[in-house]
PDB file of N, CA and C in Angstrom:
ATOM      1  N   MET A   1       0.986  13.731  -8.617  1.00  0.00           N
ATOM      2  CA  MET A   1       1.957  12.760  -8.144  1.00  0.00           C
ATOM      3  C   MET A   1       1.798  11.544  -9.149  1.00  0.00           C
ATOM      4  N   SER A   2       2.903  11.016  -9.360  1.00  0.00           N
ATOM      5  CA  SER A   2       3.043   9.786 -10.293  1.00  0.00           C
ATOM      6  C   SER A   2       3.067   8.506  -9.439  1.00  0.00           C
ATOM      7  N   ARG A   3       2.845   7.455 -10.151  1.00  0.00           N
ATOM      8  CA  ARG A   3       2.954   6.030  -9.518  1.00  0.00           C
ATOM      9  C   ARG A   3       4.124   5.869  -8.840  1.00  0.00           C
ATOM     10  N   VAL A   4       5.240   6.269  -9.531  1.00  0.00           N
ATOM     11  CA  VAL A   4       6.751   6.086  -9.044  1.00  0.00           C
ATOM     12  C   VAL A   4       6.827   6.877  -7.656  1.00  0.00           C
ATOM     13  N   GLU A   5       6.443   8.104  -7.663  1.00  0.00           N
ATOM     14  CA  GLU A   5       6.448   8.952  -6.485  1.00  0.00           C
ATOM     15  C   GLU A   5       5.589   8.384  -5.340  1.00  0.00           C
ATOM     16  N   PHE A   6       4.436   7.973  -5.684  1.00  0.00           N
ATOM     17  CA  PHE A   6       3.549   7.331  -4.756  1.00  0.00           C
ATOM     18  C   PHE A   6       4.157   6.245  -4.017  1.00  0.00           C
ATOM     19  N   MET A   7       4.762   5.292  -4.852  1.00  0.00           N
ATOM     20  CA  MET A   7       5.298   3.997  -4.388  1.00  0.00           C
ATOM     21  C   MET A   7       6.627   4.319  -3.518  1.00  0.00           C
ATOM     22  N   ASN A   8       7.445   5.283  -4.032  1.00  0.00           N
ATOM     23  CA  ASN A   8       8.655   5.615  -3.217  1.00  0.00           C
ATOM     24  C   ASN A   8       8.350   6.255  -1.906  1.00  0.00           C
ATOM     25  N   GLN A   9       7.379   7.170  -1.856  1.00  0.00           N
ATOM     26  CA  GLN A   9       6.883   7.691  -0.609  1.00  0.00           C
ATOM     27  C   GLN A   9       6.328   6.591   0.412  1.00  0.00           C
ATOM     28  N   LEU A  10       5.521   5.724  -0.247  1.00  0.00           N
ATOM     29  CA  LEU A  10       5.001   4.660   0.595  1.00  0.00           C
ATOM     30  C   LEU A  10       6.173   3.662   1.096  1.00  0.00           C
ATOM     31  N   LYS A  11       7.064   3.351   0.306  1.00  0.00           N
ATOM     32  CA  LYS A  11       8.196   2.561   0.773  1.00  0.00           C
ATOM     33  C   LYS A  11       8.987   3.247   1.976  1.00  0.00           C
ATOM     34  N   ASN A  12       9.176   4.576   1.754  1.00  0.00           N
ATOM     35  CA  ASN A  12       9.891   5.313   2.876  1.00  0.00           C
ATOM     36  C   ASN A  12       9.042   5.312   4.097  1.00  0.00           C
ATOM     37  N   LEU A  13       7.726   5.375   4.022  1.00  0.00           N
ATOM     38  CA  LEU A  13       6.907   5.398   5.163  1.00  0.00           C
ATOM     39  C   LEU A  13       6.738   4.113   5.959  1.00  0.00           C
ATOM     40  N   LEU A  14       7.097   3.081   5.246  1.00  0.00           N
ATOM     41  CA  LEU A  14       6.922   1.699   5.756  1.00  0.00           C
ATOM     42  C   LEU A  14       8.344   1.130   6.188  1.00  0.00           C
ATOM     43  N   TRP A  15       9.243   1.976   6.413  1.00  0.00           N
ATOM     44  CA  TRP A  15      10.577   1.551   6.854  1.00  0.00           C
ATOM     45  C   TRP A  15      10.598   0.793   8.193  1.00  0.00           C
ATOM     46  N   ASP A  16       9.549   1.042   9.088  1.00  0.00           N
ATOM     47  CA  ASP A  16       9.664   0.524  10.310  1.00  0.00           C
ATOM     48  C   ASP A  16       8.856  -0.648  10.557  1.00  0.00           C
ATOM     49  N   ILE A  17       8.298  -1.299   9.496  1.00  0.00           N
ATOM     50  CA  ILE A  17       7.617  -2.578   9.650  1.00  0.00           C
ATOM     51  C   ILE A  17       8.463  -3.682   9.238  1.00  0.00           C
ATOM     52  N   PRO A  18       8.219  -4.826   9.532  1.00  0.00           N
ATOM     53  CA  PRO A  18       9.075  -6.045   9.268  1.00  0.00           C
ATOM     54  C   PRO A  18       9.164  -6.075   7.666  1.00  0.00           C
ATOM     55  N   GLU A  19      10.395  -6.518   7.176  1.00  0.00           N
ATOM     56  CA  GLU A  19      10.729  -6.450   5.770  1.00  0.00           C
ATOM     57  C   GLU A  19       9.703  -7.316   4.977  1.00  0.00           C
ATOM     58  N   GLY A  20       9.370  -8.431   5.514  1.00  0.00           N
ATOM     59  CA  GLY A  20       8.382  -9.341   4.852  1.00  0.00           C
ATOM     60  C   GLY A  20       7.080  -8.623   4.633  1.00  0.00           C
ATOM     61  N   GLU A  21       6.534  -7.956   5.648  1.00  0.00           N
ATOM     62  CA  GLU A  21       5.292  -7.328   5.587  1.00  0.00           C
ATOM     63  C   GLU A  21       5.322  -6.072   4.690  1.00  0.00           C
ATOM     64  N   ARG A  22       6.469  -5.517   4.575  1.00  0.00           N
ATOM     65  CA  ARG A  22       6.785  -4.272   3.671  1.00  0.00           C
ATOM     66  C   ARG A  22       6.641  -4.710   2.341  1.00  0.00           C
ATOM     67  N   GLU A  23       7.418  -5.708   1.986  1.00  0.00           N
ATOM     68  CA  GLU A  23       7.464  -6.348   0.649  1.00  0.00           C
ATOM     69  C   GLU A  23       6.163  -6.773   0.285  1.00  0.00           C
ATOM     70  N   GLU A  24       5.391  -7.459   1.073  1.00  0.00           N
ATOM     71  CA  GLU A  24       3.988  -7.896   0.659  1.00  0.00           C
ATOM     72  C   GLU A  24       3.124  -6.723   0.320  1.00  0.00           C
ATOM     73  N   ALA A  25       3.237  -5.698   1.128  1.00  0.00           N
ATOM     74  CA  ALA A  25       2.368  -4.479   0.938  1.00  0.00           C
ATOM     75  C   ALA A  25       2.742  -3.782  -0.272  1.00  0.00           C
ATOM     76  N   LEU A  26       4.061  -3.554  -0.492  1.00  0.00           N
ATOM     77  CA  LEU A  26       4.594  -2.953  -1.735  1.00  0.00           C
ATOM     78  C   LEU A  26       4.168  -3.688  -3.043  1.00  0.00           C
ATOM     79  N   ASN A  27       4.273  -4.996  -3.014  1.00  0.00           N
ATOM     80  CA  ASN A  27       3.947  -5.865  -4.101  1.00  0.00           C
ATOM     81  C   ASN A  27       2.483  -5.702  -4.316  1.00  0.00           C
ATOM     82  N   TYR A  28       1.631  -5.704  -3.360  1.00  0.00           N
ATOM     83  CA  TYR A  28       0.219  -5.610  -3.497  1.00  0.00           C
ATOM     84  C   TYR A  28      -0.107  -4.388  -4.227  1.00  0.00           C
ATOM     85  N   TYR A  29       0.457  -3.253  -3.752  1.00  0.00           N
ATOM     86  CA  TYR A  29       0.103  -1.922  -4.454  1.00  0.00           C
ATOM     87  C   TYR A  29       0.696  -1.857  -5.813  1.00  0.00           C
ATOM     88  N   GLU A  30       1.855  -2.456  -6.117  1.00  0.00           N
ATOM     89  CA  GLU A  30       2.379  -2.479  -7.393  1.00  0.00           C
ATOM     90  C   GLU A  30       1.376  -3.249  -8.416  1.00  0.00           C
ATOM     91  N   ASP A  31       0.912  -4.413  -7.887  1.00  0.00           N
ATOM     92  CA  ASP A  31       0.013  -5.127  -8.685  1.00  0.00           C
ATOM     93  C   ASP A  31      -1.279  -4.367  -8.872  1.00  0.00           C
ATOM     94  N   TYR A  32      -1.721  -3.684  -7.911  1.00  0.00           N
ATOM     95  CA  TYR A  32      -2.943  -2.887  -7.962  1.00  0.00           C
ATOM     96  C   TYR A  32      -2.872  -1.872  -9.078  1.00  0.00           C
ATOM     97  N   PHE A  33      -1.679  -1.138  -9.167  1.00  0.00           N
ATOM     98  CA  PHE A  33      -1.487  -0.134 -10.260  1.00  0.00           C
ATOM     99  C   PHE A  33      -1.465  -0.982 -11.545  1.00  0.00           C
ATOM    100  N   ASP A  34      -0.672  -2.022 -11.649  1.00  0.00           N
ATOM    101  CA  ASP A  34      -0.566  -2.948 -12.903  1.00  0.00           C
ATOM    102  C   ASP A  34      -1.924  -3.210 -13.475  1.00  0.00           C
ATOM    103  N   ASP A  35      -2.794  -3.778 -12.484  1.00  0.00           N
ATOM    104  CA  ASP A  35      -4.121  -4.231 -12.844  1.00  0.00           C
ATOM    105  C   ASP A  35      -4.940  -3.072 -13.475  1.00  0.00           C
ATOM    106  N   ALA A  36      -4.866  -1.913 -12.845  1.00  0.00           N
ATOM    107  CA  ALA A  36      -5.519  -0.761 -13.386  1.00  0.00           C
ATOM    108  C   ALA A  36      -5.113  -0.145 -14.711  1.00  0.00           C
ATOM    109  N   GLY A  37      -3.716  -0.387 -14.971  1.00  0.00           N
ATOM    110  CA  GLY A  37      -3.366   0.095 -16.165  1.00  0.00           C
ATOM    111  C   GLY A  37      -2.884   1.427 -16.033  1.00  0.00           C
ATOM    112  N   ALA A  38      -1.838   1.780 -16.926  1.00  0.00           N
ATOM    113  CA  ALA A  38      -1.144   3.075 -16.791  1.00  0.00           C
ATOM    114  C   ALA A  38      -2.051   4.231 -17.090  1.00  0.00           C
ATOM    115  N   GLU A  39      -3.005   3.985 -17.969  1.00  0.00           N
ATOM    116  CA  GLU A  39      -4.016   5.053 -18.242  1.00  0.00           C
ATOM    117  C   GLU A  39      -4.852   5.354 -17.053  1.00  0.00           C
ATOM    118  N   ASN A  40      -4.946   4.587 -16.080  1.00  0.00           N
ATOM    119  CA  ASN A  40      -5.720   4.837 -14.835  1.00  0.00           C
ATOM    120  C   ASN A  40      -4.957   5.210 -13.619  1.00  0.00           C
ATOM    121  N   GLU A  41      -3.651   5.531 -13.704  1.00  0.00           N
ATOM    122  CA  GLU A  41      -2.740   5.838 -12.695  1.00  0.00           C
ATOM    123  C   GLU A  41      -3.351   6.948 -11.749  1.00  0.00           C
ATOM    124  N   ALA A  42      -3.829   8.000 -12.389  1.00  0.00           N
ATOM    125  CA  ALA A  42      -4.358   9.123 -11.531  1.00  0.00           C
ATOM    126  C   ALA A  42      -5.578   8.729 -10.818  1.00  0.00           C
ATOM    127  N   GLN A  43      -6.410   7.860 -11.383  1.00  0.00           N
ATOM    128  CA  GLN A  43      -7.565   7.364 -10.689  1.00  0.00           C
ATOM    129  C   GLN A  43      -7.314   6.598  -9.550  1.00  0.00           C
ATOM    130  N   VAL A  44      -6.232   5.643  -9.647  1.00  0.00           N
ATOM    131  CA  VAL A  44      -5.772   4.757  -8.561  1.00  0.00           C
ATOM    132  C   VAL A  44      -5.294   5.616  -7.474  1.00  0.00           C
ATOM    133  N   ILE A  45      -4.517   6.597  -7.750  1.00  0.00           N
ATOM    134  CA  ILE A  45      -3.855   7.432  -6.662  1.00  0.00           C
ATOM    135  C   ILE A  45      -5.032   8.165  -5.948  1.00  0.00           C
ATOM    136  N   ALA A  46      -6.014   8.744  -6.725  1.00  0.00           N
ATOM    137  CA  ALA A  46      -7.160   9.351  -6.036  1.00  0.00           C
ATOM    138  C   ALA A  46      -7.884   8.446  -5.173  1.00  0.00           C
ATOM    139  N   ALA A  47      -8.101   7.232  -5.547  1.00  0.00           N
ATOM    140  CA  ALA A  47      -8.944   6.252  -4.891  1.00  0.00           C
ATOM    141  C   ALA A  47      -8.156   5.908  -3.524  1.00  0.00           C
ATOM    142  N   LEU A  48      -6.838   5.729  -3.722  1.00  0.00           N
ATOM    143  CA  LEU A  48      -6.040   5.259  -2.581  1.00  0.00           C
ATOM    144  C   LEU A  48      -5.920   6.323  -1.518  1.00  0.00           C
ATOM    145  N   GLY A  49      -5.774   7.633  -1.948  1.00  0.00           N
ATOM    146  CA  GLY A  49      -5.510   8.756  -1.134  1.00  0.00           C
ATOM    147  C   GLY A  49      -4.025   8.861  -1.131  1.00  0.00           C
ATOM    148  N   SER A  50      -3.480   9.540  -0.078  1.00  0.00           N
ATOM    149  CA  SER A  50      -1.963   9.893   0.047  1.00  0.00           C
ATOM    150  C   SER A  50      -1.263   8.620   0.493  1.00  0.00           C
ATOM    151  N   PRO A  51       0.085   8.533   0.154  1.00  0.00           N
ATOM    152  CA  PRO A  51       0.854   7.570   0.658  1.00  0.00           C
ATOM    153  C   PRO A  51       0.796   7.426   2.167  1.00  0.00           C
ATOM    154  N   GLU A  52       0.728   8.573   2.893  1.00  0.00           N
ATOM    155  CA  GLU A  52       0.640   8.617   4.311  1.00  0.00           C
ATOM    156  C   GLU A  52      -0.653   7.803   4.835  1.00  0.00           C
ATOM    157  N   THR A  53      -1.691   8.088   4.004  1.00  0.00           N
ATOM    158  CA  THR A  53      -3.033   7.342   4.496  1.00  0.00           C
ATOM    159  C   THR A  53      -2.827   5.915   4.287  1.00  0.00           C
ATOM    160  N   VAL A  54      -2.329   5.450   3.212  1.00  0.00           N
ATOM    161  CA  VAL A  54      -2.127   4.057   2.944  1.00  0.00           C
ATOM    162  C   VAL A  54      -1.164   3.383   4.012  1.00  0.00           C
ATOM    163  N   ALA A  55      -0.122   4.036   4.285  1.00  0.00           N
ATOM    164  CA  ALA A  55       0.888   3.525   5.289  1.00  0.00           C
ATOM    165  C   ALA A  55       0.266   3.390   6.591  1.00  0.00           C
ATOM    166  N   THR A  56      -0.598   4.288   6.985  1.00  0.00           N
ATOM    167  CA  THR A  56      -1.288   4.342   8.362  1.00  0.00           C
ATOM    168  C   THR A  56      -2.244   3.134   8.229  1.00  0.00           C
ATOM    169  N   ILE A  57      -3.050   2.893   7.177  1.00  0.00           N
ATOM    170  CA  ILE A  57      -3.912   1.760   7.174  1.00  0.00           C
ATOM    171  C   ILE A  57      -3.146   0.525   7.260  1.00  0.00           C
ATOM    172  N   ILE A  58      -1.964   0.310   6.589  1.00  0.00           N
ATOM    173  CA  ILE A  58      -1.183  -0.791   6.672  1.00  0.00           C
ATOM    174  C   ILE A  58      -0.786  -0.981   8.069  1.00  0.00           C
ATOM    175  N   LYS A  59      -0.241  -0.060   8.679  1.00  0.00           N
ATOM    176  CA  LYS A  59       0.362  -0.118  10.069  1.00  0.00           C
ATOM    177  C   LYS A  59      -0.710  -0.545  11.142  1.00  0.00           C
ATOM    178  N   ASP A  60      -1.978   0.151  10.910  1.00  0.00           N
ATOM    179  CA  ASP A  60      -2.907  -0.185  11.824  1.00  0.00           C
ATOM    180  C   ASP A  60      -3.443  -1.578  11.620  1.00  0.00           C
ATOM    181  N   GLY A  61      -3.522  -2.173  10.456  1.00  0.00           N
ATOM    182  CA  GLY A  61      -3.870  -3.493  10.193  1.00  0.00           C
ATOM    183  C   GLY A  61      -2.849  -4.430  10.867  1.00  0.00           C
ATOM    184  N   LEU A  62      -1.638  -4.092  10.808  1.00  0.00           N
ATOM    185  CA  LEU A  62      -0.579  -4.987  11.405  1.00  0.00           C
ATOM    186  C   LEU A  62      -0.782  -5.003  12.916  1.00  0.00           C
ATOM    187  N   LYS A  63      -1.051  -3.883  13.449  1.00  0.00           N
ATOM    188  CA  LYS A  63      -1.289  -3.705  14.881  1.00  0.00           C
ATOM    189  C   LYS A  63      -2.490  -4.588  15.461  1.00  0.00           C
ATOM    190  N   GLU A  64      -3.469  -4.613  14.553  1.00  0.00           N
ATOM    191  CA  GLU A  64      -4.754  -5.344  14.969  1.00  0.00           C
ATOM    192  C   GLU A  64      -4.699  -6.751  14.660  1.00  0.00           C
ATOM    193  N   GLU A  65      -3.582  -7.157  13.914  1.00  0.00           N
ATOM    194  CA  GLU A  65      -3.530  -8.546  13.549  1.00  0.00           C
ATOM    195  C   GLU A  65      -3.702  -9.543  14.624  1.00  0.00           C
ATOM    196  N   SER A  66      -4.639 -10.436  14.467  1.00  0.00           N
ATOM    197  CA  SER A  66      -4.788 -11.405  15.497  1.00  0.00           C
ATOM    198  C   SER A  66      -4.112 -12.851  15.131  1.00  0.00           C
ATOM    199  N   ALA A  67      -4.533 -13.863  15.784  1.00  0.00           N
ATOM    200  CA  ALA A  67      -4.024 -15.171  15.448  1.00  0.00           C
ATOM    201  C   ALA A  67      -4.199 -15.508  14.006  1.00  0.00           C
ATOM    202  N   GLU A  68      -5.227 -14.955  13.295  1.00  0.00           N
ATOM    203  CA  GLU A  68      -5.524 -15.280  11.872  1.00  0.00           C
ATOM    204  C   GLU A  68      -4.736 -14.201  11.103  1.00  0.00           C
ATOM    205  N   LYS A  69      -3.864 -14.468  10.213  1.00  0.00           N
ATOM    206  CA  LYS A  69      -3.146 -13.505   9.369  1.00  0.00           C
ATOM    207  C   LYS A  69      -4.152 -12.757   8.432  1.00  0.00           C
ATOM    208  N   GLY A  70      -4.048 -11.535   8.297  1.00  0.00           N
ATOM    209  CA  GLY A  70      -4.855 -10.635   7.464  1.00  0.00           C
ATOM    210  C   GLY A  70      -4.391 -10.755   5.942  1.00  0.00           C
ATOM    211  N   GLU A  71      -5.141  -9.918   5.282  1.00  0.00           N
ATOM    212  CA  GLU A  71      -4.814  -9.951   3.799  1.00  0.00           C
ATOM    213  C   GLU A  71      -4.944  -8.606   3.253  1.00  0.00           C
ATOM    214  N   TYR A  72      -4.210  -8.150   2.356  1.00  0.00           N
ATOM    215  CA  TYR A  72      -4.217  -6.698   1.726  1.00  0.00           C
ATOM    216  C   TYR A  72      -5.535  -6.752   0.778  1.00  0.00           C
ATOM    217  N   SER A  73      -6.144  -5.504   0.865  1.00  0.00           N
ATOM    218  CA  SER A  73      -7.101  -5.389  -0.174  1.00  0.00           C
ATOM    219  C   SER A  73      -7.254  -3.877  -0.366  1.00  0.00           C
ATOM    220  N   GLU A  74      -8.273  -3.356  -1.288  1.00  0.00           N
ATOM    221  CA  GLU A  74      -8.291  -2.002  -1.617  1.00  0.00           C
ATOM    222  C   GLU A  74      -8.380  -1.156  -0.408  1.00  0.00           C
ATOM    223  N   THR A  75      -9.052  -1.569   0.569  1.00  0.00           N
ATOM    224  CA  THR A  75      -9.449  -0.825   1.863  1.00  0.00           C
ATOM    225  C   THR A  75      -8.327  -1.020   2.934  1.00  0.00           C
ATOM    226  N   GLY A  76      -7.358  -1.688   2.569  1.00  0.00           N
ATOM    227  CA  GLY A  76      -6.187  -1.798   3.588  1.00  0.00           C
ATOM    228  C   GLY A  76      -5.786  -3.248   3.826  1.00  0.00           C
ATOM    229  N   TYR A  77      -5.335  -3.412   5.074  1.00  0.00           N
ATOM    230  CA  TYR A  77      -4.740  -4.775   5.436  1.00  0.00           C
ATOM    231  C   TYR A  77      -6.064  -5.524   6.106  1.00  0.00           C
TER     232      TYR A  77
END
């Protein structure tokens, strides 16, 4: 799987969350790939797991969000 495929699948899986949250998540992971560099694309995908896993982590983080706003990180939201 390539970065483009990963991000397209992630975008499709996040269709049901608020647009602002979706854009923030997608921007975070685009930046994550950018920071790692094209030569490390496969390692980033391996570390993140499947787009389904990432989408689940994001959605679970949004559900658990309390009065204090969360932040995206390598381990999720």
